[in-house]
Amino acid sequence: MSKVATEGAREEAGLEPSLGPGAGVEGRTPWQLFWRRFRRDRVALVGLFLIGLMIVAALSAGFFAKYVVHHPDINEFHFDMLDD
């Protein structure tokens, strides 16, 4: 007697799960694998938030710098403000 079972006999015996037509293993890209693992790490997410906040602050610094300057000639050195 041969111990080789046909495909139909294996499914009937419950040896292999039947995935059905169209069902299969879905592959993931390296980016998907990275993002899935990255989202689980709380420290990494906080770091990403802080880096994003610094980038936004750097890009908006020119807008806010217009309103900080109170003197018309910013390059003038003020000797009267020095300690004697």
Protein backbone atom coordinates (compact mmCIF):
# COMPACT_ATOMS: atom_id res chain seq x y z
CA MET A 1 0.00 0.00 0.00
CA SER A 2 1.15 3.43 -0.86
CA LYS A 3 1.13 6.20 1.75
CA VAL A 4 0.85 8.93 -0.86
CA ALA A 5 -2.49 10.66 -0.52
CA THR A 6 -4.12 12.56 -3.29
CA GLU A 7 -4.99 16.21 -2.90
CA GLY A 8 -8.69 15.47 -2.46
CA ALA A 9 -8.02 12.83 0.18
CA ARG A 10 -5.87 15.25 2.19
CA GLU A 11 -8.61 17.88 2.23
CA GLU A 12 -11.21 15.29 3.27
CA ALA A 13 -8.96 14.07 6.08
CA GLY A 14 -8.44 17.65 7.30
CA LEU A 15 -4.69 17.57 6.81
CA GLU A 16 -4.55 20.84 4.85
CA PRO A 17 -6.87 23.76 5.32
CA SER A 18 -8.83 24.67 2.26
CA LEU A 19 -8.19 28.29 1.34
CA GLY A 20 -10.67 28.32 -1.48
CA PRO A 21 -10.34 30.00 -4.84
CA GLY A 22 -8.73 33.43 -4.78
CA ALA A 23 -7.63 33.17 -1.15
CA GLY A 24 -3.93 33.15 -0.57
CA VAL A 25 -1.05 34.70 1.25
CA GLU A 26 -0.86 38.44 0.78
CA GLY A 27 2.65 39.82 0.43
CA ARG A 28 3.78 43.04 2.05
CA THR A 29 6.24 45.60 0.75
CA PRO A 30 9.27 46.57 2.82
CA TRP A 31 7.61 49.95 3.49
CA GLN A 32 4.50 48.23 4.88
CA LEU A 33 6.64 46.02 7.11
CA PHE A 34 8.60 49.04 8.36
CA TRP A 35 5.51 51.15 9.06
CA ARG A 36 3.73 48.31 10.89
CA ARG A 37 6.71 47.80 13.19
CA PHE A 38 7.34 51.54 13.59
CA ARG A 39 3.76 52.24 14.75
CA ARG A 40 4.15 49.79 17.65
CA ASP A 41 7.16 51.65 19.07
CA ARG A 42 5.89 54.55 21.23
CA VAL A 43 9.32 56.16 21.67
CA ALA A 44 9.85 56.23 17.92
CA LEU A 45 6.46 57.89 17.39
CA VAL A 46 7.27 60.57 19.97
CA GLY A 47 10.61 61.16 18.23
CA LEU A 48 8.88 61.44 14.85
CA PHE A 49 6.43 63.97 16.32
CA LEU A 50 9.26 66.07 17.80
CA ILE A 51 11.22 66.06 14.54
CA GLY A 52 8.07 67.10 12.67
CA LEU A 53 7.45 69.88 15.19
CA MET A 54 11.02 71.17 14.74
CA ILE A 55 10.65 71.15 10.95
CA VAL A 56 7.41 73.13 11.16
CA ALA A 57 9.04 75.60 13.58
CA ALA A 58 12.03 76.06 11.26
CA LEU A 59 9.83 76.61 8.21
CA SER A 60 7.62 79.13 10.00
CA ALA A 61 10.48 81.03 11.70
CA GLY A 62 10.70 83.57 8.89
CA PHE A 63 7.07 84.48 9.33
CA PHE A 64 7.39 85.05 13.07
CA ALA A 65 10.77 86.82 12.82
CA LYS A 66 9.14 89.79 11.07
CA TYR A 67 7.24 90.64 14.23
CA VAL A 68 10.09 90.23 16.74
CA VAL A 69 12.41 92.97 15.45
CA HIS A 70 11.70 96.32 17.15
CA HIS A 71 14.58 98.35 15.77
CA PRO A 72 14.79 99.50 12.15
CA ASP A 73 18.55 98.80 11.87
CA ILE A 74 19.08 95.30 13.22
CA ASN A 75 22.81 95.29 12.37
CA GLU A 76 23.58 98.31 14.56
CA PHE A 77 25.59 97.45 17.69
CA HIS A 78 24.27 99.04 20.89
CA PHE A 79 27.18 100.00 23.13
CA ASP A 80 24.86 101.51 25.73
CA MET A 81 23.51 98.04 26.54
CA LEU A 82 26.92 96.69 27.59
CA ASP A 83 27.86 96.32 31.25
CA ASP A 84 30.67 98.61 32.34
